[in-house]
Amino acid sequence: MLLVIPYFILWGLWGKYFRKIVTEGLKYVGDEYVDENYKIPPLSSVKIAINGKCAIVINGGTGWATIRINGGPREKVFKIRLLNAVGILEIINESRFFPIIVSIRRSP
């Protein structure tokens, strides 16, 4: 029984601090931003034009996605990614079963 109590404490702290990391990450873009949501089906991708700061939050499914910036190398993303780039951002859902919901907050 004593071994279970620290598990619940650590799980609660993880949830608290992870939410704080995500909310602070969304502030990275600044006060003026464009908020977009995309539902990406399994084994599909979406391309978005970005110009400057961008925060990507992945919900649903596994929480993992793959991104490519300007056709460069693939990068795996878990839950949140902050970018400062200009060009075309491709978000790829490599899952075979689960769709992902991607929220993008970017500068106009």
PDB file of N, CA and C in Angstrom:
ATOM      1  N   MET A   1       0.826  -1.196   0.000  1.00  0.00           N
ATOM      2  CA  MET A   1       0.000   0.000   0.000  1.00  0.00           C
ATOM      3  C   MET A   1       0.871   1.261   0.000  1.00  0.00           C
ATOM      4  N   LEU A   2       1.965   1.226   0.745  1.00  0.00           N
ATOM      5  CA  LEU A   2       2.845   2.392   0.804  1.00  0.00           C
ATOM      6  C   LEU A   2       3.537   2.661  -0.528  1.00  0.00           C
ATOM      7  N   LEU A   3       3.690   1.641  -1.338  1.00  0.00           N
ATOM      8  CA  LEU A   3       4.327   1.835  -2.631  1.00  0.00           C
ATOM      9  C   LEU A   3       3.400   2.503  -3.640  1.00  0.00           C
ATOM     10  N   VAL A   4       2.109   2.457  -3.412  1.00  0.00           N
ATOM     11  CA  VAL A   4       1.144   3.032  -4.343  1.00  0.00           C
ATOM     12  C   VAL A   4       1.002   4.538  -4.143  1.00  0.00           C
ATOM     13  N   ILE A   5       1.159   5.019  -2.942  1.00  0.00           N
ATOM     14  CA  ILE A   5       0.965   6.449  -2.633  1.00  0.00           C
ATOM     15  C   ILE A   5       1.918   7.344  -3.429  1.00  0.00           C
ATOM     16  N   PRO A   6       3.219   7.062  -3.508  1.00  0.00           N
ATOM     17  CA  PRO A   6       4.093   7.924  -4.326  1.00  0.00           C
ATOM     18  C   PRO A   6       3.714   7.937  -5.804  1.00  0.00           C
ATOM     19  N   TYR A   7       3.173   6.840  -6.292  1.00  0.00           N
ATOM     20  CA  TYR A   7       2.736   6.780  -7.688  1.00  0.00           C
ATOM     21  C   TYR A   7       1.669   7.831  -7.961  1.00  0.00           C
ATOM     22  N   PHE A   8       0.670   7.923  -7.098  1.00  0.00           N
ATOM     23  CA  PHE A   8      -0.393   8.907  -7.291  1.00  0.00           C
ATOM     24  C   PHE A   8       0.117  10.333  -7.132  1.00  0.00           C
ATOM     25  N   ILE A   9       1.053  10.541  -6.232  1.00  0.00           N
ATOM     26  CA  ILE A   9       1.641  11.878  -6.057  1.00  0.00           C
ATOM     27  C   ILE A   9       2.409  12.277  -7.319  1.00  0.00           C
ATOM     28  N   LEU A  10       3.236  11.383  -7.834  1.00  0.00           N
ATOM     29  CA  LEU A  10       3.995  11.684  -9.051  1.00  0.00           C
ATOM     30  C   LEU A  10       3.075  11.889 -10.249  1.00  0.00           C
ATOM     31  N   TRP A  11       2.029  11.106 -10.367  1.00  0.00           N
ATOM     32  CA  TRP A  11       1.083  11.247 -11.475  1.00  0.00           C
ATOM     33  C   TRP A  11       0.391  12.606 -11.419  1.00  0.00           C
ATOM     34  N   GLY A  12      -0.014  13.048 -10.225  1.00  0.00           N
ATOM     35  CA  GLY A  12      -0.644  14.359 -10.064  1.00  0.00           C
ATOM     36  C   GLY A  12       0.309  15.496 -10.401  1.00  0.00           C
ATOM     37  N   LEU A  13       1.553  15.399  -9.951  1.00  0.00           N
ATOM     38  CA  LEU A  13       2.538  16.437 -10.263  1.00  0.00           C
ATOM     39  C   LEU A  13       2.832  16.486 -11.758  1.00  0.00           C
ATOM     40  N   TRP A  14       2.905  15.329 -12.413  1.00  0.00           N
ATOM     41  CA  TRP A  14       3.137  15.297 -13.854  1.00  0.00           C
ATOM     42  C   TRP A  14       2.022  16.038 -14.584  1.00  0.00           C
ATOM     43  N   GLY A  15       0.779  15.763 -14.220  1.00  0.00           N
ATOM     44  CA  GLY A  15      -0.351  16.435 -14.865  1.00  0.00           C
ATOM     45  C   GLY A  15      -0.328  17.932 -14.654  1.00  0.00           C
ATOM     46  N   LYS A  16      -0.013  18.361 -13.442  1.00  0.00           N
ATOM     47  CA  LYS A  16       0.024  19.791 -13.126  1.00  0.00           C
ATOM     48  C   LYS A  16       1.109  20.500 -13.933  1.00  0.00           C
ATOM     49  N   TYR A  17       2.306  19.980 -13.920  1.00  0.00           N
ATOM     50  CA  TYR A  17       3.408  20.661 -14.590  1.00  0.00           C
ATOM     51  C   TYR A  17       3.345  20.523 -16.107  1.00  0.00           C
ATOM     52  N   PHE A  18       2.799  19.444 -16.612  1.00  0.00           N
ATOM     53  CA  PHE A  18       2.663  19.319 -18.058  1.00  0.00           C
ATOM     54  C   PHE A  18       1.678  20.347 -18.591  1.00  0.00           C
ATOM     55  N   ARG A  19       0.566  20.568 -17.892  1.00  0.00           N
ATOM     56  CA  ARG A  19      -0.387  21.608 -18.303  1.00  0.00           C
ATOM     57  C   ARG A  19       0.271  22.978 -18.272  1.00  0.00           C
ATOM     58  N   LYS A  20       1.110  23.214 -17.274  1.00  0.00           N
ATOM     59  CA  LYS A  20       1.804  24.499 -17.178  1.00  0.00           C
ATOM     60  C   LYS A  20       2.775  24.677 -18.349  1.00  0.00           C
ATOM     61  N   ILE A  21       3.469  23.631 -18.732  1.00  0.00           N
ATOM     62  CA  ILE A  21       4.391  23.697 -19.872  1.00  0.00           C
ATOM     63  C   ILE A  21       3.633  24.014 -21.154  1.00  0.00           C
ATOM     64  N   VAL A  22       2.478  23.384 -21.360  1.00  0.00           N
ATOM     65  CA  VAL A  22       1.697  23.621 -22.573  1.00  0.00           C
ATOM     66  C   VAL A  22       1.157  25.046 -22.600  1.00  0.00           C
ATOM     67  N   THR A  23       0.618  25.549 -21.487  1.00  0.00           N
ATOM     68  CA  THR A  23       0.071  26.913 -21.485  1.00  0.00           C
ATOM     69  C   THR A  23       1.169  27.948 -21.690  1.00  0.00           C
ATOM     70  N   GLU A  24       2.327  27.752 -21.108  1.00  0.00           N
ATOM     71  CA  GLU A  24       3.435  28.685 -21.325  1.00  0.00           C
ATOM     72  C   GLU A  24       3.960  28.582 -22.754  1.00  0.00           C
ATOM     73  N   GLY A  25       3.943  27.392 -23.321  1.00  0.00           N
ATOM     74  CA  GLY A  25       4.361  27.232 -24.711  1.00  0.00           C
ATOM     75  C   GLY A  25       3.440  27.963 -25.671  1.00  0.00           C
ATOM     76  N   LEU A  26       2.148  27.992 -25.370  1.00  0.00           N
ATOM     77  CA  LEU A  26       1.204  28.709 -26.223  1.00  0.00           C
ATOM     78  C   LEU A  26       1.406  30.219 -26.145  1.00  0.00           C
ATOM     79  N   LYS A  27       1.980  30.706 -25.063  1.00  0.00           N
ATOM     80  CA  LYS A  27       2.273  32.139 -24.939  1.00  0.00           C
ATOM     81  C   LYS A  27       3.500  32.545 -25.761  1.00  0.00           C
ATOM     82  N   TYR A  28       4.257  31.573 -26.246  1.00  0.00           N
ATOM     83  CA  TYR A  28       5.479  31.822 -27.007  1.00  0.00           C
ATOM     84  C   TYR A  28       5.224  32.662 -28.256  1.00  0.00           C
ATOM     85  N   VAL A  29       4.064  32.487 -28.879  1.00  0.00           N
ATOM     86  CA  VAL A  29       3.754  33.164 -30.139  1.00  0.00           C
ATOM     87  C   VAL A  29       3.541  34.657 -29.932  1.00  0.00           C
ATOM     88  N   GLY A  30       3.010  35.057 -28.795  1.00  0.00           N
ATOM     89  CA  GLY A  30       2.761  36.471 -28.528  1.00  0.00           C
ATOM     90  C   GLY A  30       1.275  36.767 -28.445  1.00  0.00           C
ATOM     91  N   ASP A  31       0.943  38.066 -28.481  1.00  0.00           N
ATOM     92  CA  ASP A  31      -0.447  38.485 -28.317  1.00  0.00           C
ATOM     93  C   ASP A  31      -1.253  38.403 -29.605  1.00  0.00           C
ATOM     94  N   GLU A  32      -0.630  38.642 -30.734  1.00  0.00           N
ATOM     95  CA  GLU A  32      -1.334  38.580 -32.020  1.00  0.00           C
ATOM     96  C   GLU A  32      -0.993  37.258 -32.698  1.00  0.00           C
ATOM     97  N   TYR A  33      -2.015  36.430 -32.894  1.00  0.00           N
ATOM     98  CA  TYR A  33      -1.779  35.115 -33.479  1.00  0.00           C
ATOM     99  C   TYR A  33      -3.018  34.632 -34.223  1.00  0.00           C
ATOM    100  N   VAL A  34      -2.812  33.607 -35.027  1.00  0.00           N
ATOM    101  CA  VAL A  34      -3.888  32.921 -35.738  1.00  0.00           C
ATOM    102  C   VAL A  34      -3.965  31.517 -35.154  1.00  0.00           C
ATOM    103  N   ASP A  35      -5.154  31.125 -34.713  1.00  0.00           N
ATOM    104  CA  ASP A  35      -5.355  29.809 -34.104  1.00  0.00           C
ATOM    105  C   ASP A  35      -6.080  28.905 -35.097  1.00  0.00           C
ATOM    106  N   GLU A  36      -5.487  27.761 -35.424  1.00  0.00           N
ATOM    107  CA  GLU A  36      -6.072  26.828 -36.386  1.00  0.00           C
ATOM    108  C   GLU A  36      -6.085  25.424 -35.799  1.00  0.00           C
ATOM    109  N   ASN A  37      -7.121  24.664 -36.132  1.00  0.00           N
ATOM    110  CA  ASN A  37      -7.235  23.270 -35.700  1.00  0.00           C
ATOM    111  C   ASN A  37      -7.390  22.379 -36.924  1.00  0.00           C
ATOM    112  N   TYR A  38      -6.680  21.261 -36.915  1.00  0.00           N
ATOM    113  CA  TYR A  38      -6.742  20.298 -38.006  1.00  0.00           C
ATOM    114  C   TYR A  38      -6.944  18.907 -37.418  1.00  0.00           C
ATOM    115  N   LYS A  39      -7.806  18.120 -38.055  1.00  0.00           N
ATOM    116  CA  LYS A  39      -7.946  16.705 -37.705  1.00  0.00           C
ATOM    117  C   LYS A  39      -7.298  15.917 -38.834  1.00  0.00           C
ATOM    118  N   ILE A  40      -6.211  15.229 -38.504  1.00  0.00           N
ATOM    119  CA  ILE A  40      -5.439  14.505 -39.513  1.00  0.00           C
ATOM    120  C   ILE A  40      -5.736  13.011 -39.375  1.00  0.00           C
ATOM    121  N   PRO A  41      -6.336  12.403 -40.399  1.00  0.00           N
ATOM    122  CA  PRO A  41      -6.629  10.965 -40.344  1.00  0.00           C
ATOM    123  C   PRO A  41      -5.342  10.134 -40.348  1.00  0.00           C
ATOM    124  N   PRO A  42      -5.451   8.852 -40.010  1.00  0.00           N
ATOM    125  CA  PRO A  42      -4.261   7.989 -40.009  1.00  0.00           C
ATOM    126  C   PRO A  42      -3.580   7.947 -41.377  1.00  0.00           C
ATOM    127  N   LEU A  43      -2.264   7.908 -41.344  1.00  0.00           N
ATOM    128  CA  LEU A  43      -1.414   7.822 -42.540  1.00  0.00           C
ATOM    129  C   LEU A  43      -1.672   8.953 -43.530  1.00  0.00           C
ATOM    130  N   SER A  44      -1.954  10.141 -43.021  1.00  0.00           N
ATOM    131  CA  SER A  44      -2.185  11.317 -43.859  1.00  0.00           C
ATOM    132  C   SER A  44      -1.317  12.463 -43.370  1.00  0.00           C
ATOM    133  N   SER A  45      -1.328  13.552 -44.135  1.00  0.00           N
ATOM    134  CA  SER A  45      -0.557  14.727 -43.741  1.00  0.00           C
ATOM    135  C   SER A  45      -1.288  15.986 -44.165  1.00  0.00           C
ATOM    136  N   VAL A  46      -0.842  17.111 -43.617  1.00  0.00           N
ATOM    137  CA  VAL A  46      -1.383  18.418 -43.969  1.00  0.00           C
ATOM    138  C   VAL A  46      -0.205  19.382 -44.077  1.00  0.00           C
ATOM    139  N   LYS A  47      -0.282  20.307 -45.034  1.00  0.00           N
ATOM    140  CA  LYS A  47       0.777  21.300 -45.222  1.00  0.00           C
ATOM    141  C   LYS A  47       0.229  22.676 -44.885  1.00  0.00           C
ATOM    142  N   ILE A  48       1.032  23.451 -44.139  1.00  0.00           N
ATOM    143  CA  ILE A  48       0.623  24.766 -43.662  1.00  0.00           C
ATOM    144  C   ILE A  48       1.761  25.743 -43.918  1.00  0.00           C
ATOM    145  N   ALA A  49       1.421  26.933 -44.387  1.00  0.00           N
ATOM    146  CA  ALA A  49       2.424  27.986 -44.564  1.00  0.00           C
ATOM    147  C   ALA A  49       2.607  28.702 -43.229  1.00  0.00           C
ATOM    148  N   ILE A  50       3.851  28.783 -42.764  1.00  0.00           N
ATOM    149  CA  ILE A  50       4.141  29.486 -41.512  1.00  0.00           C
ATOM    150  C   ILE A  50       5.106  30.627 -41.798  1.00  0.00           C
ATOM    151  N   ASN A  51       5.019  31.638 -40.943  1.00  0.00           N
ATOM    152  CA  ASN A  51       5.861  32.816 -41.103  1.00  0.00           C
ATOM    153  C   ASN A  51       6.239  33.321 -39.718  1.00  0.00           C
ATOM    154  N   GLY A  52       7.302  32.792 -39.151  1.00  0.00           N
ATOM    155  CA  GLY A  52       7.747  33.237 -37.841  1.00  0.00           C
ATOM    156  C   GLY A  52       7.416  32.226 -36.755  1.00  0.00           C
ATOM    157  N   LYS A  53       7.069  32.747 -35.578  1.00  0.00           N
ATOM    158  CA  LYS A  53       6.838  31.892 -34.420  1.00  0.00           C
ATOM    159  C   LYS A  53       5.568  31.067 -34.581  1.00  0.00           C
ATOM    160  N   CYS A  54       5.656  29.829 -34.085  1.00  0.00           N
ATOM    161  CA  CYS A  54       4.550  28.887 -34.238  1.00  0.00           C
ATOM    162  C   CYS A  54       4.601  27.891 -33.080  1.00  0.00           C
ATOM    163  N   ALA A  55       3.443  27.597 -32.485  1.00  0.00           N
ATOM    164  CA  ALA A  55       3.331  26.576 -31.442  1.00  0.00           C
ATOM    165  C   ALA A  55       2.388  25.493 -31.943  1.00  0.00           C
ATOM    166  N   ILE A  56       2.835  24.244 -31.892  1.00  0.00           N
ATOM    167  CA  ILE A  56       2.047  23.106 -32.350  1.00  0.00           C
ATOM    168  C   ILE A  56       1.706  22.254 -31.136  1.00  0.00           C
ATOM    169  N   VAL A  57       0.410  22.000 -30.918  1.00  0.00           N
ATOM    170  CA  VAL A  57      -0.045  21.139 -29.824  1.00  0.00           C
ATOM    171  C   VAL A  57      -0.811  19.976 -30.442  1.00  0.00           C
ATOM    172  N   ILE A  58      -0.427  18.747 -30.074  1.00  0.00           N
ATOM    173  CA  ILE A  58      -1.030  17.543 -30.637  1.00  0.00           C
ATOM    174  C   ILE A  58      -1.907  16.887 -29.579  1.00  0.00           C
ATOM    175  N   ASN A  59      -3.170  16.642 -29.944  1.00  0.00           N
ATOM    176  CA  ASN A  59      -4.133  15.997 -29.054  1.00  0.00           C
ATOM    177  C   ASN A  59      -4.692  14.763 -29.735  1.00  0.00           C
ATOM    178  N   GLY A  60      -5.255  13.883 -28.936  1.00  0.00           N
ATOM    179  CA  GLY A  60      -5.909  12.704 -29.480  1.00  0.00           C
ATOM    180  C   GLY A  60      -4.918  11.664 -29.954  1.00  0.00           C
ATOM    181  N   GLY A  61      -5.423  10.465 -30.160  1.00  0.00           N
ATOM    182  CA  GLY A  61      -4.558   9.391 -30.644  1.00  0.00           C
ATOM    183  C   GLY A  61      -3.421   9.105 -29.687  1.00  0.00           C
ATOM    184  N   THR A  62      -2.227   9.058 -30.210  1.00  0.00           N
ATOM    185  CA  THR A  62      -1.060   8.717 -29.403  1.00  0.00           C
ATOM    186  C   THR A  62      -0.326   9.941 -28.874  1.00  0.00           C
ATOM    187  N   GLY A  63      -0.601  11.117 -29.416  1.00  0.00           N
ATOM    188  CA  GLY A  63       0.130  12.315 -29.013  1.00  0.00           C
ATOM    189  C   GLY A  63       1.413  12.525 -29.797  1.00  0.00           C
ATOM    190  N   TRP A  64       1.717  11.623 -30.712  1.00  0.00           N
ATOM    191  CA  TRP A  64       2.924  11.722 -31.529  1.00  0.00           C
ATOM    192  C   TRP A  64       2.569  12.150 -32.943  1.00  0.00           C
ATOM    193  N   ALA A  65       3.429  12.955 -33.532  1.00  0.00           N
ATOM    194  CA  ALA A  65       3.307  13.340 -34.935  1.00  0.00           C
ATOM    195  C   ALA A  65       4.714  13.521 -35.490  1.00  0.00           C
ATOM    196  N   THR A  66       4.809  13.610 -36.794  1.00  0.00           N
ATOM    197  CA  THR A  66       6.077  13.860 -37.470  1.00  0.00           C
ATOM    198  C   THR A  66       5.929  15.149 -38.254  1.00  0.00           C
ATOM    199  N   ILE A  67       6.947  16.018 -38.181  1.00  0.00           N
ATOM    200  CA  ILE A  67       6.889  17.272 -38.927  1.00  0.00           C
ATOM    201  C   ILE A  67       8.075  17.366 -39.878  1.00  0.00           C
ATOM    202  N   ARG A  68       7.880  18.136 -40.927  1.00  0.00           N
ATOM    203  CA  ARG A  68       8.949  18.486 -41.871  1.00  0.00           C
ATOM    204  C   ARG A  68       8.810  19.966 -42.161  1.00  0.00           C
ATOM    205  N   ILE A  69       9.917  20.682 -42.105  1.00  0.00           N
ATOM    206  CA  ILE A  69       9.919  22.109 -42.400  1.00  0.00           C
ATOM    207  C   ILE A  69      10.662  22.312 -43.710  1.00  0.00           C
ATOM    208  N   ASN A  70       9.971  22.888 -44.696  1.00  0.00           N
ATOM    209  CA  ASN A  70      10.536  23.150 -46.027  1.00  0.00           C
ATOM    210  C   ASN A  70      11.132  21.902 -46.669  1.00  0.00           C
ATOM    211  N   GLY A  71      10.483  20.757 -46.490  1.00  0.00           N
ATOM    212  CA  GLY A  71      10.948  19.519 -47.109  1.00  0.00           C
ATOM    213  C   GLY A  71      12.215  18.959 -46.501  1.00  0.00           C
ATOM    214  N   GLY A  72      12.594  19.419 -45.330  1.00  0.00           N
ATOM    215  CA  GLY A  72      13.807  18.954 -44.671  1.00  0.00           C
ATOM    216  C   GLY A  72      13.617  17.595 -44.019  1.00  0.00           C
ATOM    217  N   PRO A  73      14.506  17.259 -43.088  1.00  0.00           N
ATOM    218  CA  PRO A  73      14.407  15.956 -42.432  1.00  0.00           C
ATOM    219  C   PRO A  73      13.168  15.872 -41.538  1.00  0.00           C
ATOM    220  N   ARG A  74      12.702  14.662 -41.333  1.00  0.00           N
ATOM    221  CA  ARG A  74      11.545  14.439 -40.472  1.00  0.00           C
ATOM    222  C   ARG A  74      11.954  14.554 -39.009  1.00  0.00           C
ATOM    223  N   GLU A  75      11.057  15.131 -38.203  1.00  0.00           N
ATOM    224  CA  GLU A  75      11.276  15.259 -36.763  1.00  0.00           C
ATOM    225  C   GLU A  75      10.049  14.737 -36.041  1.00  0.00           C
ATOM    226  N   LYS A  76      10.257  13.886 -35.035  1.00  0.00           N
ATOM    227  CA  LYS A  76       9.150  13.381 -34.230  1.00  0.00           C
ATOM    228  C   LYS A  76       8.804  14.424 -33.169  1.00  0.00           C
ATOM    229  N   VAL A  77       7.501  14.587 -32.924  1.00  0.00           N
ATOM    230  CA  VAL A  77       7.010  15.567 -31.958  1.00  0.00           C
ATOM    231  C   VAL A  77       6.070  14.856 -30.999  1.00  0.00           C
ATOM    232  N   PHE A  78       6.240  15.100 -29.694  1.00  0.00           N
ATOM    233  CA  PHE A  78       5.320  14.568 -28.689  1.00  0.00           C
ATOM    234  C   PHE A  78       4.623  15.726 -28.001  1.00  0.00           C
ATOM    235  N   LYS A  79       3.337  15.847 -28.212  1.00  0.00           N
ATOM    236  CA  LYS A  79       2.425  16.798 -27.575  1.00  0.00           C
ATOM    237  C   LYS A  79       2.644  18.254 -27.957  1.00  0.00           C
ATOM    238  N   ILE A  80       3.848  18.821 -27.826  1.00  0.00           N
ATOM    239  CA  ILE A  80       4.034  20.248 -28.099  1.00  0.00           C
ATOM    240  C   ILE A  80       5.385  20.486 -28.764  1.00  0.00           C
ATOM    241  N   ARG A  81       5.397  21.449 -29.690  1.00  0.00           N
ATOM    242  CA  ARG A  81       6.649  21.838 -30.365  1.00  0.00           C
ATOM    243  C   ARG A  81       6.577  23.320 -30.671  1.00  0.00           C
ATOM    244  N   LEU A  82       7.625  24.043 -30.346  1.00  0.00           N
ATOM    245  CA  LEU A  82       7.733  25.470 -30.635  1.00  0.00           C
ATOM    246  C   LEU A  82       8.675  25.647 -31.819  1.00  0.00           C
ATOM    247  N   LEU A  83       8.257  26.467 -32.784  1.00  0.00           N
ATOM    248  CA  LEU A  83       9.058  26.696 -33.984  1.00  0.00           C
ATOM    249  C   LEU A  83       9.247  28.184 -34.208  1.00  0.00           C
ATOM    250  N   ASN A  84      10.333  28.540 -34.867  1.00  0.00           N
ATOM    251  CA  ASN A  84      10.549  29.890 -35.362  1.00  0.00           C
ATOM    252  C   ASN A  84      11.150  29.728 -36.757  1.00  0.00           C
ATOM    253  N   ALA A  85      10.273  29.625 -37.752  1.00  0.00           N
ATOM    254  CA  ALA A  85      10.720  29.333 -39.118  1.00  0.00           C
ATOM    255  C   ALA A  85       9.783  29.990 -40.118  1.00  0.00           C
ATOM    256  N   VAL A  86      10.265  30.091 -41.345  1.00  0.00           N
ATOM    257  CA  VAL A  86       9.466  30.619 -42.452  1.00  0.00           C
ATOM    258  C   VAL A  86       9.434  29.551 -43.538  1.00  0.00           C
ATOM    259  N   GLY A  87       8.245  29.266 -44.063  1.00  0.00           N
ATOM    260  CA  GLY A  87       8.137  28.294 -45.142  1.00  0.00           C
ATOM    261  C   GLY A  87       6.919  27.414 -44.996  1.00  0.00           C
ATOM    262  N   ILE A  88       7.053  26.182 -45.468  1.00  0.00           N
ATOM    263  CA  ILE A  88       5.959  25.215 -45.463  1.00  0.00           C
ATOM    264  C   ILE A  88       6.215  24.180 -44.370  1.00  0.00           C
ATOM    265  N   LEU A  89       5.234  24.026 -43.492  1.00  0.00           N
ATOM    266  CA  LEU A  89       5.289  23.031 -42.422  1.00  0.00           C
ATOM    267  C   LEU A  89       4.372  21.877 -42.810  1.00  0.00           C
ATOM    268  N   GLU A  90       4.922  20.678 -42.834  1.00  0.00           N
ATOM    269  CA  GLU A  90       4.119  19.488 -43.115  1.00  0.00           C
ATOM    270  C   GLU A  90       3.998  18.681 -41.833  1.00  0.00           C
ATOM    271  N   ILE A  91       2.764  18.391 -41.439  1.00  0.00           N
ATOM    272  CA  ILE A  91       2.503  17.582 -40.249  1.00  0.00           C
ATOM    273  C   ILE A  91       1.966  16.240 -40.725  1.00  0.00           C
ATOM    274  N   ILE A  92       2.632  15.164 -40.311  1.00  0.00           N
ATOM    275  CA  ILE A  92       2.319  13.818 -40.785  1.00  0.00           C
ATOM    276  C   ILE A  92       1.846  12.971 -39.608  1.00  0.00           C
ATOM    277  N   ASN A  93       0.718  12.298 -39.785  1.00  0.00           N
ATOM    278  CA  ASN A  93       0.228  11.338 -38.802  1.00  0.00           C
ATOM    279  C   ASN A  93       0.647   9.951 -39.279  1.00  0.00           C
ATOM    280  N   GLU A  94       1.634   9.368 -38.625  1.00  0.00           N
ATOM    281  CA  GLU A  94       2.143   8.063 -39.038  1.00  0.00           C
ATOM    282  C   GLU A  94       1.408   6.903 -38.383  1.00  0.00           C
ATOM    283  N   SER A  95       0.444   7.190 -37.525  1.00  0.00           N
ATOM    284  CA  SER A  95      -0.333   6.136 -36.884  1.00  0.00           C
ATOM    285  C   SER A  95      -1.204   5.428 -37.915  1.00  0.00           C
ATOM    286  N   ARG A  96      -1.378   4.136 -37.751  1.00  0.00           N
ATOM    287  CA  ARG A  96      -2.212   3.368 -38.669  1.00  0.00           C
ATOM    288  C   ARG A  96      -3.671   3.311 -38.225  1.00  0.00           C
ATOM    289  N   PHE A  97      -3.957   3.686 -36.969  1.00  0.00           N
ATOM    290  CA  PHE A  97      -5.306   3.510 -36.447  1.00  0.00           C
ATOM    291  C   PHE A  97      -5.950   4.780 -35.912  1.00  0.00           C
ATOM    292  N   PHE A  98      -5.170   5.683 -35.323  1.00  0.00           N
ATOM    293  CA  PHE A  98      -5.739   6.811 -34.597  1.00  0.00           C
ATOM    294  C   PHE A  98      -5.552   8.132 -35.339  1.00  0.00           C
ATOM    295  N   PRO A  99      -6.617   8.924 -35.464  1.00  0.00           N
ATOM    296  CA  PRO A  99      -6.447  10.286 -35.985  1.00  0.00           C
ATOM    297  C   PRO A  99      -5.862  11.176 -34.891  1.00  0.00           C
ATOM    298  N   ILE A 100      -5.235  12.266 -35.287  1.00  0.00           N
ATOM    299  CA  ILE A 100      -4.740  13.235 -34.308  1.00  0.00           C
ATOM    300  C   ILE A 100      -5.392  14.582 -34.585  1.00  0.00           C
ATOM    301  N   ILE A 101      -5.547  15.345 -33.531  1.00  0.00           N
ATOM    302  CA  ILE A 101      -6.069  16.703 -33.635  1.00  0.00           C
ATOM    303  C   ILE A 101      -4.904  17.635 -33.334  1.00  0.00           C
ATOM    304  N   VAL A 102      -4.592  18.495 -34.279  1.00  0.00           N
ATOM    305  CA  VAL A 102      -3.448  19.394 -34.150  1.00  0.00           C
ATOM    306  C   VAL A 102      -3.956  20.822 -34.035  1.00  0.00           C
ATOM    307  N   SER A 103      -3.550  21.496 -32.956  1.00  0.00           N
ATOM    308  CA  SER A 103      -3.852  22.916 -32.781  1.00  0.00           C
ATOM    309  C   SER A 103      -2.584  23.694 -33.076  1.00  0.00           C
ATOM    310  N   ILE A 104      -2.686  24.647 -33.976  1.00  0.00           N
ATOM    311  CA  ILE A 104      -1.524  25.448 -34.358  1.00  0.00           C
ATOM    312  C   ILE A 104      -1.820  26.898 -34.037  1.00  0.00           C
ATOM    313  N   ARG A 105      -0.953  27.487 -33.258  1.00  0.00           N
ATOM    314  CA  ARG A 105      -1.030  28.917 -32.968  1.00  0.00           C
ATOM    315  C   ARG A 105       0.196  29.542 -33.612  1.00  0.00           C
ATOM    316  N   ARG A 106      -0.040  30.396 -34.620  1.00  0.00           N
ATOM    317  CA  ARG A 106       1.079  30.972 -35.370  1.00  0.00           C
ATOM    318  C   ARG A 106       0.906  32.470 -35.515  1.00  0.00           C
ATOM    319  N   SER A 107       2.018  33.143 -35.763  1.00  0.00           N
ATOM    320  CA  SER A 107       1.953  34.582 -35.999  1.00  0.00           C
ATOM    321  C   SER A 107       1.379  34.832 -37.387  1.00  0.00           C
ATOM    322  N   PRO A 108       0.615  35.934 -37.538  1.00  0.00           N
ATOM    323  CA  PRO A 108      -0.061  36.204 -38.819  1.00  0.00           C
ATOM    324  C   PRO A 108       0.896  36.554 -39.948  1.00  0.00           C
TER     325      PRO A 108
END
